[in-house]
Structures are given as structure tokens and as C-alpha cells.
Amino acid sequence: MAPLPLPALPFASASDWSELARRRPALPRVLAFPVLPLALLPPLVLYLAGTLDPARFPPALARGSWGALAAAFFATEVATWLALGWLIACAARSSRVAIDRPTAYLIAALAPVPLWLSSLGLLVADLVVTLGLAGLALALSCRAVYHGIAILGGVRESVTAAWITQIAVGGALIPWVLLDAALLWR
């Protein structure tokens, strides 16, 4: 997408984020990369890990169809991207922060890169390592949302950027809660 490596976005400078916004890639281009290829990584790794070593997963998952779970996981990722972009735009508008929809969806497309890459931790047969990577990735994704909002929205008050981040990330977790509930009730 850019000369800036995507995993570095949580630590990127204002000029790096501004360069991304200046280029303002079209939504189909953002979907083509990074969203679709990187969002496919976790379901593929989950499918691979589940079919090769189902015993390391909870029994409710191990008995199920790994293909169906991978498809549901991918659908949840796409729903999360859509929800995150919409929530960033709405929360920014209500806070009078200058983030339009294309910029909100750009932030929403770049923020989950650490989460998508952390899915490679499923290839390690250690639950602590996998969960540790996922926790670190979630923190880095939240940091990327915060910096994207603060820099691209020109937010001077960190409380405002933090509030928009909290609303957006909290709301974007709803599809994951629904997926977890569906898995528990089957």
C-alpha cells in the first residue's frame, strides 16, 4: 500500500499517516490490499491449526467443521472492518473532528494489521504464546486507531481521540461477541 511497512503503523509519525491520507486510496483499493488478503490470513491459519491439531482447542470447537468456522471468522472480520469504519466516522462527527468516511475506513483497514499478523501465533502449539500475541496485537491495533484519529483528524486533545477510539473499538468488538455466543450455543 505504501513505502511505510503496515506493521509499523501503530508507531508511525504524523507525516507517515498524513502521507497515507494525502494519497487517499479508493475504497476498492483498500479492500484489495490490505483488507481482503490480510483478513484471509487468520481464517486460513485457524483452519490449518484446527485440522492438523484439533486437540489443542476446546472440545466444542474441535468437534465442529473447521471450514465453517474459518468462513464465520472471515465474515466476522469483514463485519468488524465495516463497523469500525462506520463507528470512527460517527464518533468523529459527533465530536466535531474532521474525519470523513473514506478516512475512517482507511483507519479501520490499517488498524487491524497487527491482529491479522498475530494469527500466525496459532501455528505455535502453546496457548500462552498465542494469547500473548493476540493481546499485544489488540493493544497495537487500538494504538493505531488512536494515532490515525489523532493525526488524520487533527485532534489536539488526547481525551477526544481516546474517546473516539474507545467508542469505535468497543463497538467493533460486538461482531466478535456475537460469534463467540454462536459458538457457545451450538
N, C-alpha and C. Protein backbone atom coordinates (compact mmCIF):
# COMPACT_ATOMS: atom_id res chain seq x y z
N MET A 1 0.82 -1.19 0.00
CA MET A 1 0.00 0.00 0.00
C MET A 1 0.86 1.25 0.00
N ALA A 2 1.98 1.23 0.71
CA ALA A 2 2.79 2.42 0.87
C ALA A 2 4.22 2.01 1.15
N PRO A 3 5.15 2.98 1.06
CA PRO A 3 6.51 2.65 1.45
C PRO A 3 6.61 2.36 2.95
N LEU A 4 5.63 2.83 3.73
CA LEU A 4 5.60 2.58 5.16
C LEU A 4 5.15 1.14 5.40
N PRO A 5 5.95 0.34 6.11
CA PRO A 5 5.50 -1.03 6.38
C PRO A 5 4.26 -1.01 7.26
N LEU A 6 3.25 -1.78 6.88
CA LEU A 6 1.98 -1.78 7.60
C LEU A 6 2.13 -2.14 9.08
N PRO A 7 2.97 -3.09 9.46
CA PRO A 7 3.08 -3.39 10.89
C PRO A 7 3.64 -2.23 11.72
N ALA A 8 4.25 -1.24 11.07
CA ALA A 8 4.82 -0.10 11.79
C ALA A 8 3.81 1.01 12.06
N LEU A 9 2.59 0.88 11.56
CA LEU A 9 1.60 1.96 11.70
C LEU A 9 1.30 2.37 13.14
N PRO A 10 1.26 1.45 14.11
CA PRO A 10 1.00 1.91 15.48
C PRO A 10 2.06 2.88 16.00
N PHE A 11 3.24 2.85 15.39
CA PHE A 11 4.35 3.70 15.82
C PHE A 11 4.68 4.79 14.81
N ALA A 12 3.87 4.89 13.75
CA ALA A 12 4.17 5.82 12.65
C ALA A 12 4.05 7.27 13.10
N SER A 13 4.80 8.09 12.42
CA SER A 13 4.79 9.53 12.73
C SER A 13 3.60 10.20 12.05
N ALA A 14 3.39 11.45 12.42
CA ALA A 14 2.30 12.22 11.82
C ALA A 14 2.49 12.34 10.32
N SER A 15 3.74 12.50 9.87
CA SER A 15 3.96 12.64 8.42
C SER A 15 3.65 11.34 7.68
N ASP A 16 3.91 10.19 8.31
CA ASP A 16 3.58 8.91 7.68
C ASP A 16 2.07 8.76 7.49
N TRP A 17 1.31 9.05 8.54
CA TRP A 17 -0.15 8.97 8.45
C TRP A 17 -0.67 10.00 7.46
N SER A 18 -0.10 11.19 7.50
CA SER A 18 -0.55 12.25 6.59
C SER A 18 -0.29 11.88 5.14
N GLU A 19 0.81 11.20 4.88
CA GLU A 19 1.11 10.74 3.53
C GLU A 19 0.07 9.74 3.05
N LEU A 20 -0.34 8.84 3.95
CA LEU A 20 -1.39 7.89 3.59
C LEU A 20 -2.70 8.61 3.27
N ALA A 21 -3.03 9.59 4.09
CA ALA A 21 -4.27 10.34 3.87
C ALA A 21 -4.19 11.18 2.60
N ARG A 22 -3.01 11.72 2.32
CA ARG A 22 -2.85 12.55 1.12
C ARG A 22 -3.09 11.72 -0.13
N ARG A 23 -2.58 10.51 -0.14
CA ARG A 23 -2.77 9.62 -1.28
C ARG A 23 -4.20 9.14 -1.38
N ARG A 24 -4.89 9.10 -0.26
CA ARG A 24 -6.29 8.71 -0.14
C ARG A 24 -6.68 7.62 -1.14
N PRO A 25 -6.26 6.40 -0.85
CA PRO A 25 -6.61 5.31 -1.77
C PRO A 25 -8.13 5.10 -1.79
N ALA A 26 -8.62 4.72 -2.95
CA ALA A 26 -10.05 4.46 -3.11
C ALA A 26 -10.44 3.21 -2.33
N LEU A 27 -11.69 3.14 -1.93
CA LEU A 27 -12.18 2.03 -1.13
C LEU A 27 -11.91 0.67 -1.79
N PRO A 28 -12.14 0.49 -3.11
CA PRO A 28 -11.81 -0.80 -3.72
C PRO A 28 -10.33 -1.16 -3.59
N ARG A 29 -9.47 -0.17 -3.65
CA ARG A 29 -8.03 -0.43 -3.49
C ARG A 29 -7.71 -0.84 -2.06
N VAL A 30 -8.35 -0.19 -1.10
CA VAL A 30 -8.14 -0.55 0.31
C VAL A 30 -8.66 -1.97 0.56
N LEU A 31 -9.78 -2.31 -0.08
CA LEU A 31 -10.30 -3.67 0.05
C LEU A 31 -9.34 -4.69 -0.56
N ALA A 32 -8.78 -4.34 -1.72
CA ALA A 32 -7.86 -5.25 -2.41
C ALA A 32 -6.58 -5.47 -1.60
N PHE A 33 -6.11 -4.44 -0.94
CA PHE A 33 -4.97 -4.54 -0.03
C PHE A 33 -5.00 -3.34 0.88
N PRO A 34 -5.07 -3.54 2.13
CA PRO A 34 -4.71 -4.71 2.92
C PRO A 34 -5.87 -5.57 3.38
N VAL A 35 -7.14 -5.12 3.27
CA VAL A 35 -8.23 -5.79 3.98
C VAL A 35 -8.39 -7.26 3.57
N LEU A 36 -8.69 -7.54 2.31
CA LEU A 36 -9.01 -8.92 1.95
C LEU A 36 -7.85 -9.90 2.12
N PRO A 37 -6.67 -9.62 1.60
CA PRO A 37 -5.62 -10.63 1.76
C PRO A 37 -5.20 -10.85 3.22
N LEU A 38 -5.11 -9.77 3.99
CA LEU A 38 -4.69 -9.94 5.37
C LEU A 38 -5.82 -10.48 6.24
N ALA A 39 -7.06 -10.16 5.91
CA ALA A 39 -8.19 -10.70 6.67
C ALA A 39 -8.38 -12.19 6.39
N LEU A 40 -7.87 -12.67 5.27
CA LEU A 40 -7.93 -14.11 4.97
C LEU A 40 -6.90 -14.90 5.77
N LEU A 41 -5.85 -14.24 6.23
CA LEU A 41 -4.78 -14.94 6.95
C LEU A 41 -5.29 -15.65 8.22
N PRO A 42 -6.00 -14.97 9.13
CA PRO A 42 -6.46 -15.67 10.34
C PRO A 42 -7.37 -16.87 10.07
N PRO A 43 -8.37 -16.76 9.18
CA PRO A 43 -9.19 -17.96 8.94
C PRO A 43 -8.39 -19.12 8.35
N LEU A 44 -7.44 -18.80 7.47
CA LEU A 44 -6.62 -19.87 6.89
C LEU A 44 -5.74 -20.53 7.94
N VAL A 45 -5.14 -19.72 8.80
CA VAL A 45 -4.29 -20.28 9.87
C VAL A 45 -5.14 -21.06 10.87
N LEU A 46 -6.32 -20.54 11.19
CA LEU A 46 -7.23 -21.25 12.10
C LEU A 46 -7.63 -22.60 11.51
N TYR A 47 -7.97 -22.59 10.23
CA TYR A 47 -8.34 -23.84 9.56
C TYR A 47 -7.18 -24.84 9.58
N LEU A 48 -6.00 -24.36 9.26
CA LEU A 48 -4.82 -25.22 9.25
C LEU A 48 -4.54 -25.78 10.64
N ALA A 49 -4.51 -24.90 11.65
CA ALA A 49 -4.22 -25.35 13.02
C ALA A 49 -5.31 -26.29 13.52
N GLY A 50 -6.56 -26.00 13.19
CA GLY A 50 -7.66 -26.84 13.66
C GLY A 50 -7.71 -28.21 13.02
N THR A 51 -7.36 -28.29 11.76
CA THR A 51 -7.39 -29.60 11.10
C THR A 51 -6.16 -30.43 11.43
N LEU A 52 -5.03 -29.77 11.67
CA LEU A 52 -3.81 -30.52 11.98
C LEU A 52 -3.73 -30.93 13.45
N ASP A 53 -4.25 -30.10 14.35
CA ASP A 53 -4.14 -30.40 15.78
C ASP A 53 -5.39 -29.92 16.52
N PRO A 54 -6.54 -30.56 16.28
CA PRO A 54 -7.79 -30.10 16.91
C PRO A 54 -7.81 -30.30 18.42
N ALA A 55 -6.96 -31.16 18.95
CA ALA A 55 -6.96 -31.46 20.39
C ALA A 55 -6.55 -30.26 21.23
N ARG A 56 -5.86 -29.30 20.66
CA ARG A 56 -5.43 -28.15 21.47
C ARG A 56 -6.51 -27.07 21.58
N PHE A 57 -7.65 -27.29 20.95
CA PHE A 57 -8.76 -26.36 21.02
C PHE A 57 -9.82 -26.91 21.96
N PRO A 58 -10.69 -26.03 22.46
CA PRO A 58 -11.78 -26.52 23.32
C PRO A 58 -12.61 -27.57 22.57
N PRO A 59 -13.15 -28.53 23.31
CA PRO A 59 -13.91 -29.62 22.66
C PRO A 59 -15.05 -29.15 21.75
N ALA A 60 -15.73 -28.06 22.12
CA ALA A 60 -16.83 -27.57 21.29
C ALA A 60 -16.33 -27.14 19.91
N LEU A 61 -15.12 -26.61 19.85
CA LEU A 61 -14.54 -26.23 18.56
C LEU A 61 -13.96 -27.43 17.84
N ALA A 62 -13.30 -28.30 18.57
CA ALA A 62 -12.60 -29.43 17.96
C ALA A 62 -13.57 -30.35 17.22
N ARG A 63 -14.82 -30.44 17.69
CA ARG A 63 -15.80 -31.33 17.05
C ARG A 63 -16.44 -30.71 15.82
N GLY A 64 -16.31 -29.40 15.66
CA GLY A 64 -17.02 -28.71 14.58
C GLY A 64 -16.31 -28.76 13.24
N SER A 65 -16.92 -28.12 12.29
CA SER A 65 -16.37 -28.02 10.95
C SER A 65 -15.40 -26.84 10.91
N TRP A 66 -14.16 -27.12 10.64
CA TRP A 66 -13.15 -26.06 10.61
C TRP A 66 -13.36 -25.13 9.42
N GLY A 67 -13.88 -25.64 8.33
CA GLY A 67 -14.17 -24.80 7.17
C GLY A 67 -15.26 -23.79 7.48
N ALA A 68 -16.32 -24.25 8.15
CA ALA A 68 -17.41 -23.34 8.52
C ALA A 68 -16.93 -22.31 9.54
N LEU A 69 -16.12 -22.74 10.49
CA LEU A 69 -15.59 -21.80 11.48
C LEU A 69 -14.69 -20.75 10.81
N ALA A 70 -13.86 -21.18 9.88
CA ALA A 70 -12.99 -20.23 9.16
C ALA A 70 -13.82 -19.23 8.36
N ALA A 71 -14.89 -19.71 7.72
CA ALA A 71 -15.76 -18.81 6.97
C ALA A 71 -16.46 -17.81 7.89
N ALA A 72 -16.93 -18.28 9.04
CA ALA A 72 -17.57 -17.39 10.01
C ALA A 72 -16.56 -16.38 10.56
N PHE A 73 -15.35 -16.82 10.76
CA PHE A 73 -14.29 -15.93 11.25
C PHE A 73 -14.01 -14.82 10.23
N PHE A 74 -13.93 -15.20 8.96
CA PHE A 74 -13.68 -14.21 7.91
C PHE A 74 -14.84 -13.22 7.81
N ALA A 75 -16.07 -13.73 7.85
CA ALA A 75 -17.24 -12.85 7.80
C ALA A 75 -17.25 -11.88 8.98
N THR A 76 -16.84 -12.36 10.14
CA THR A 76 -16.78 -11.50 11.32
C THR A 76 -15.70 -10.43 11.15
N GLU A 77 -14.59 -10.78 10.54
CA GLU A 77 -13.54 -9.78 10.30
C GLU A 77 -14.03 -8.68 9.37
N VAL A 78 -14.72 -9.05 8.31
CA VAL A 78 -15.24 -8.05 7.37
C VAL A 78 -16.29 -7.19 8.07
N ALA A 79 -17.16 -7.81 8.86
CA ALA A 79 -18.17 -7.05 9.61
C ALA A 79 -17.50 -6.09 10.59
N THR A 80 -16.41 -6.52 11.19
CA THR A 80 -15.68 -5.67 12.13
C THR A 80 -15.08 -4.47 11.41
N TRP A 81 -14.51 -4.70 10.23
CA TRP A 81 -13.94 -3.59 9.47
C TRP A 81 -15.01 -2.57 9.12
N LEU A 82 -16.15 -3.05 8.65
CA LEU A 82 -17.25 -2.14 8.30
C LEU A 82 -17.75 -1.39 9.53
N ALA A 83 -17.91 -2.10 10.64
CA ALA A 83 -18.39 -1.46 11.88
C ALA A 83 -17.38 -0.44 12.39
N LEU A 84 -16.10 -0.79 12.36
CA LEU A 84 -15.07 0.12 12.87
C LEU A 84 -15.02 1.40 12.05
N GLY A 85 -15.05 1.28 10.73
CA GLY A 85 -15.04 2.48 9.90
C GLY A 85 -16.25 3.36 10.14
N TRP A 86 -17.43 2.74 10.21
CA TRP A 86 -18.66 3.49 10.45
C TRP A 86 -18.63 4.16 11.82
N LEU A 87 -18.18 3.43 12.84
CA LEU A 87 -18.13 3.99 14.19
C LEU A 87 -17.12 5.12 14.32
N ILE A 88 -15.97 4.99 13.66
CA ILE A 88 -14.99 6.08 13.68
C ILE A 88 -15.61 7.34 13.07
N ALA A 89 -16.26 7.17 11.91
CA ALA A 89 -16.86 8.33 11.24
C ALA A 89 -17.95 8.96 12.10
N CYS A 90 -18.81 8.14 12.70
CA CYS A 90 -19.91 8.68 13.52
C CYS A 90 -19.39 9.36 14.78
N ALA A 91 -18.47 8.71 15.49
CA ALA A 91 -17.94 9.28 16.73
C ALA A 91 -17.14 10.55 16.43
N ALA A 92 -16.42 10.57 15.32
CA ALA A 92 -15.66 11.78 14.95
C ALA A 92 -16.61 12.92 14.63
N ARG A 93 -17.66 12.61 13.89
CA ARG A 93 -18.64 13.65 13.54
C ARG A 93 -19.30 14.20 14.80
N SER A 94 -19.65 13.33 15.75
CA SER A 94 -20.31 13.81 16.97
C SER A 94 -19.36 14.62 17.84
N SER A 95 -18.05 14.41 17.66
CA SER A 95 -17.05 15.17 18.42
C SER A 95 -16.53 16.37 17.64
N ARG A 96 -17.10 16.60 16.47
CA ARG A 96 -16.67 17.68 15.58
C ARG A 96 -15.20 17.55 15.17
N VAL A 97 -14.81 16.31 14.88
CA VAL A 97 -13.47 16.02 14.40
C VAL A 97 -13.57 15.76 12.91
N ALA A 98 -12.64 16.35 12.15
CA ALA A 98 -12.69 16.32 10.68
C ALA A 98 -12.16 15.01 10.12
N ILE A 99 -12.93 13.95 10.29
CA ILE A 99 -12.60 12.66 9.67
C ILE A 99 -13.80 12.26 8.82
N ASP A 100 -13.59 12.22 7.50
CA ASP A 100 -14.67 11.82 6.62
C ASP A 100 -14.73 10.29 6.52
N ARG A 101 -15.75 9.79 5.85
CA ARG A 101 -15.92 8.33 5.74
C ARG A 101 -14.73 7.62 5.09
N PRO A 102 -14.21 8.12 3.96
CA PRO A 102 -13.06 7.41 3.37
C PRO A 102 -11.86 7.33 4.33
N THR A 103 -11.62 8.40 5.07
CA THR A 103 -10.51 8.39 6.02
C THR A 103 -10.81 7.42 7.17
N ALA A 104 -12.05 7.40 7.62
CA ALA A 104 -12.43 6.48 8.70
C ALA A 104 -12.23 5.03 8.26
N TYR A 105 -12.62 4.71 7.03
CA TYR A 105 -12.43 3.34 6.55
C TYR A 105 -10.97 3.02 6.26
N LEU A 106 -10.18 4.02 5.95
CA LEU A 106 -8.74 3.81 5.80
C LEU A 106 -8.13 3.45 7.15
N ILE A 107 -8.49 4.20 8.19
CA ILE A 107 -8.00 3.87 9.54
C ILE A 107 -8.46 2.47 9.93
N ALA A 108 -9.73 2.17 9.66
CA ALA A 108 -10.29 0.85 10.00
C ALA A 108 -9.61 -0.28 9.23
N ALA A 109 -9.10 0.01 8.05
CA ALA A 109 -8.42 -1.01 7.25
C ALA A 109 -6.99 -1.24 7.73
N LEU A 110 -6.37 -0.21 8.25
CA LEU A 110 -4.96 -0.33 8.64
C LEU A 110 -4.79 -0.77 10.10
N ALA A 111 -5.73 -0.42 10.94
CA ALA A 111 -5.59 -0.71 12.37
C ALA A 111 -5.51 -2.21 12.69
N PRO A 112 -6.26 -3.09 12.04
CA PRO A 112 -6.20 -4.50 12.44
C PRO A 112 -5.00 -5.28 11.90
N VAL A 113 -4.09 -4.63 11.21
CA VAL A 113 -2.93 -5.35 10.65
C VAL A 113 -2.20 -6.15 11.74
N PRO A 114 -1.91 -5.58 12.92
CA PRO A 114 -1.25 -6.40 13.94
C PRO A 114 -2.08 -7.62 14.35
N LEU A 115 -3.40 -7.46 14.42
CA LEU A 115 -4.26 -8.60 14.77
C LEU A 115 -4.21 -9.68 13.70
N TRP A 116 -4.28 -9.26 12.45
CA TRP A 116 -4.22 -10.24 11.38
C TRP A 116 -2.89 -11.00 11.39
N LEU A 117 -1.81 -10.28 11.60
CA LEU A 117 -0.50 -10.94 11.62
C LEU A 117 -0.31 -11.81 12.85
N SER A 118 -0.96 -11.44 13.96
CA SER A 118 -0.81 -12.24 15.19
C SER A 118 -1.44 -13.61 15.05
N SER A 119 -2.29 -13.79 14.06
CA SER A 119 -2.91 -15.11 13.86
C SER A 119 -1.86 -16.18 13.57
N LEU A 120 -0.69 -15.76 13.12
CA LEU A 120 0.38 -16.73 12.88
C LEU A 120 0.80 -17.41 14.18
N GLY A 121 0.45 -16.81 15.32
CA GLY A 121 0.72 -17.42 16.62
C GLY A 121 -0.03 -18.73 16.82
N LEU A 122 -1.11 -18.95 16.05
CA LEU A 122 -1.83 -20.22 16.14
C LEU A 122 -0.98 -21.39 15.65
N LEU A 123 0.05 -21.09 14.89
CA LEU A 123 0.92 -22.16 14.40
C LEU A 123 1.86 -22.66 15.49
N VAL A 124 1.96 -21.89 16.58
CA VAL A 124 2.75 -22.32 17.74
C VAL A 124 1.79 -23.09 18.65
N ALA A 125 2.17 -24.26 19.06
CA ALA A 125 1.26 -25.11 19.84
C ALA A 125 1.26 -24.74 21.33
N ASP A 126 1.42 -23.47 21.64
CA ASP A 126 1.43 -23.02 23.03
C ASP A 126 0.35 -21.95 23.20
N LEU A 127 -0.65 -22.25 24.01
CA LEU A 127 -1.77 -21.34 24.20
C LEU A 127 -1.34 -20.01 24.79
N VAL A 128 -0.37 -20.03 25.68
CA VAL A 128 0.11 -18.79 26.31
C VAL A 128 0.74 -17.87 25.27
N VAL A 129 1.54 -18.42 24.38
CA VAL A 129 2.16 -17.63 23.32
C VAL A 129 1.09 -17.06 22.39
N THR A 130 0.14 -17.89 22.00
CA THR A 130 -0.93 -17.45 21.11
C THR A 130 -1.75 -16.33 21.74
N LEU A 131 -2.14 -16.49 23.00
CA LEU A 131 -2.92 -15.46 23.68
C LEU A 131 -2.10 -14.20 23.93
N GLY A 132 -0.83 -14.38 24.24
CA GLY A 132 0.05 -13.21 24.44
C GLY A 132 0.19 -12.39 23.17
N LEU A 133 0.38 -13.06 22.05
CA LEU A 133 0.47 -12.36 20.77
C LEU A 133 -0.84 -11.65 20.43
N ALA A 134 -1.95 -12.31 20.71
CA ALA A 134 -3.26 -11.70 20.42
C ALA A 134 -3.48 -10.47 21.30
N GLY A 135 -3.11 -10.54 22.57
CA GLY A 135 -3.25 -9.39 23.46
C GLY A 135 -2.39 -8.22 23.04
N LEU A 136 -1.15 -8.51 22.69
CA LEU A 136 -0.24 -7.46 22.21
C LEU A 136 -0.76 -6.85 20.91
N ALA A 137 -1.25 -7.69 20.02
CA ALA A 137 -1.79 -7.21 18.74
C ALA A 137 -3.01 -6.33 18.95
N LEU A 138 -3.87 -6.69 19.90
CA LEU A 138 -5.04 -5.87 20.18
C LEU A 138 -4.61 -4.49 20.69
N ALA A 139 -3.62 -4.47 21.57
CA ALA A 139 -3.12 -3.18 22.07
C ALA A 139 -2.53 -2.34 20.93
N LEU A 140 -1.77 -2.96 20.04
CA LEU A 140 -1.18 -2.24 18.91
C LEU A 140 -2.25 -1.74 17.94
N SER A 141 -3.30 -2.53 17.75
CA SER A 141 -4.40 -2.10 16.87
C SER A 141 -5.13 -0.90 17.47
N CYS A 142 -5.36 -0.94 18.77
CA CYS A 142 -6.00 0.21 19.44
C CYS A 142 -5.12 1.45 19.32
N ARG A 143 -3.82 1.25 19.45
CA ARG A 143 -2.87 2.37 19.31
C ARG A 143 -2.92 2.94 17.89
N ALA A 144 -3.04 2.06 16.90
CA ALA A 144 -3.11 2.51 15.51
C ALA A 144 -4.39 3.31 15.27
N VAL A 145 -5.51 2.85 15.83
CA VAL A 145 -6.76 3.60 15.70
C VAL A 145 -6.60 4.97 16.33
N TYR A 146 -6.06 5.00 17.54
CA TYR A 146 -5.88 6.27 18.25
C TYR A 146 -5.01 7.24 17.45
N HIS A 147 -3.86 6.76 16.98
CA HIS A 147 -2.96 7.64 16.22
C HIS A 147 -3.57 8.07 14.89
N GLY A 148 -4.27 7.17 14.23
CA GLY A 148 -4.93 7.55 12.98
C GLY A 148 -5.95 8.64 13.21
N ILE A 149 -6.75 8.50 14.26
CA ILE A 149 -7.76 9.51 14.58
C ILE A 149 -7.10 10.82 14.98
N ALA A 150 -6.12 10.74 15.85
CA ALA A 150 -5.46 11.96 16.34
C ALA A 150 -4.77 12.71 15.22
N ILE A 151 -4.07 11.98 14.37
CA ILE A 151 -3.26 12.64 13.33
C ILE A 151 -4.13 13.06 12.14
N LEU A 152 -4.93 12.13 11.63
CA LEU A 152 -5.72 12.45 10.44
C LEU A 152 -6.88 13.38 10.75
N GLY A 153 -7.36 13.35 11.99
CA GLY A 153 -8.45 14.24 12.38
C GLY A 153 -7.97 15.56 12.95
N GLY A 154 -6.64 15.70 13.09
CA GLY A 154 -6.10 16.93 13.65
C GLY A 154 -6.55 17.18 15.08
N VAL A 155 -6.70 16.11 15.85
CA VAL A 155 -7.20 16.22 17.22
C VAL A 155 -6.06 16.67 18.13
N ARG A 156 -6.29 17.77 18.83
CA ARG A 156 -5.26 18.29 19.73
C ARG A 156 -5.42 17.78 21.15
N GLU A 157 -6.64 17.43 21.51
CA GLU A 157 -6.89 16.93 22.86
C GLU A 157 -6.87 15.41 22.83
N SER A 158 -5.95 14.83 23.58
CA SER A 158 -5.82 13.37 23.57
C SER A 158 -7.07 12.69 24.11
N VAL A 159 -7.81 13.36 24.99
CA VAL A 159 -9.04 12.78 25.53
C VAL A 159 -10.07 12.56 24.42
N THR A 160 -10.15 13.48 23.49
CA THR A 160 -11.11 13.35 22.38
C THR A 160 -10.73 12.18 21.49
N ALA A 161 -9.46 12.07 21.14
CA ALA A 161 -9.01 10.95 20.31
C ALA A 161 -9.21 9.63 21.05
N ALA A 162 -8.96 9.62 22.35
CA ALA A 162 -9.16 8.40 23.14
C ALA A 162 -10.63 8.03 23.21
N TRP A 163 -11.52 9.02 23.34
CA TRP A 163 -12.95 8.75 23.41
C TRP A 163 -13.44 8.14 22.10
N ILE A 164 -13.04 8.72 20.98
CA ILE A 164 -13.46 8.19 19.68
C ILE A 164 -12.91 6.77 19.51
N THR A 165 -11.67 6.56 19.91
CA THR A 165 -11.07 5.22 19.82
C THR A 165 -11.85 4.23 20.67
N GLN A 166 -12.18 4.61 21.89
CA GLN A 166 -12.90 3.71 22.79
C GLN A 166 -14.28 3.35 22.23
N ILE A 167 -15.00 4.33 21.71
CA ILE A 167 -16.32 4.07 21.12
C ILE A 167 -16.18 3.14 19.92
N ALA A 168 -15.25 3.46 19.04
CA ALA A 168 -15.09 2.68 17.80
C ALA A 168 -14.64 1.25 18.08
N VAL A 169 -13.61 1.09 18.90
CA VAL A 169 -13.09 -0.25 19.18
C VAL A 169 -14.11 -1.05 19.99
N GLY A 170 -14.73 -0.42 20.97
CA GLY A 170 -15.73 -1.12 21.77
C GLY A 170 -16.89 -1.61 20.92
N GLY A 171 -17.37 -0.75 20.03
CA GLY A 171 -18.46 -1.15 19.15
C GLY A 171 -18.05 -2.21 18.14
N ALA A 172 -16.80 -2.15 17.69
CA ALA A 172 -16.32 -3.11 16.70
C ALA A 172 -16.12 -4.50 17.31
N LEU A 173 -16.12 -4.57 18.63
CA LEU A 173 -15.99 -5.88 19.28
C LEU A 173 -17.33 -6.64 19.30
N ILE A 174 -18.42 -5.96 19.00
CA ILE A 174 -19.73 -6.61 19.04
C ILE A 174 -19.82 -7.80 18.08
N PRO A 175 -19.33 -7.72 16.83
CA PRO A 175 -19.39 -8.93 15.98
C PRO A 175 -18.65 -10.12 16.58
N TRP A 176 -17.58 -9.87 17.33
CA TRP A 176 -16.82 -10.96 17.94
C TRP A 176 -17.60 -11.57 19.11
N VAL A 177 -18.30 -10.74 19.86
CA VAL A 177 -19.15 -11.25 20.94
C VAL A 177 -20.25 -12.13 20.35
N LEU A 178 -20.83 -11.68 19.24
CA LEU A 178 -21.88 -12.47 18.59
C LEU A 178 -21.33 -13.80 18.07
N LEU A 179 -20.13 -13.79 17.50
CA LEU A 179 -19.52 -15.04 17.03
C LEU A 179 -19.27 -15.98 18.22
N ASP A 180 -18.72 -15.44 19.31
CA ASP A 180 -18.48 -16.26 20.49
C ASP A 180 -19.78 -16.85 21.03
N ALA A 181 -20.84 -16.04 21.07
CA ALA A 181 -22.14 -16.53 21.54
C ALA A 181 -22.65 -17.64 20.64
N ALA A 182 -22.51 -17.47 19.34
CA ALA A 182 -22.96 -18.52 18.40
C ALA A 182 -22.18 -19.81 18.61
N LEU A 183 -20.88 -19.70 18.88
CA LEU A 183 -20.07 -20.90 19.10
C LEU A 183 -20.44 -21.58 20.41
N LEU A 184 -20.76 -20.81 21.43
CA LEU A 184 -21.11 -21.38 22.71
C LEU A 184 -22.48 -22.07 22.69
N TRP A 185 -23.39 -21.57 21.86
CA TRP A 185 -24.75 -22.10 21.84
C TRP A 185 -24.94 -23.24 20.85
N ARG A 186 -23.91 -23.62 20.15
CA ARG A 186 -24.12 -24.71 19.18
C ARG A 186 -23.95 -26.06 19.79
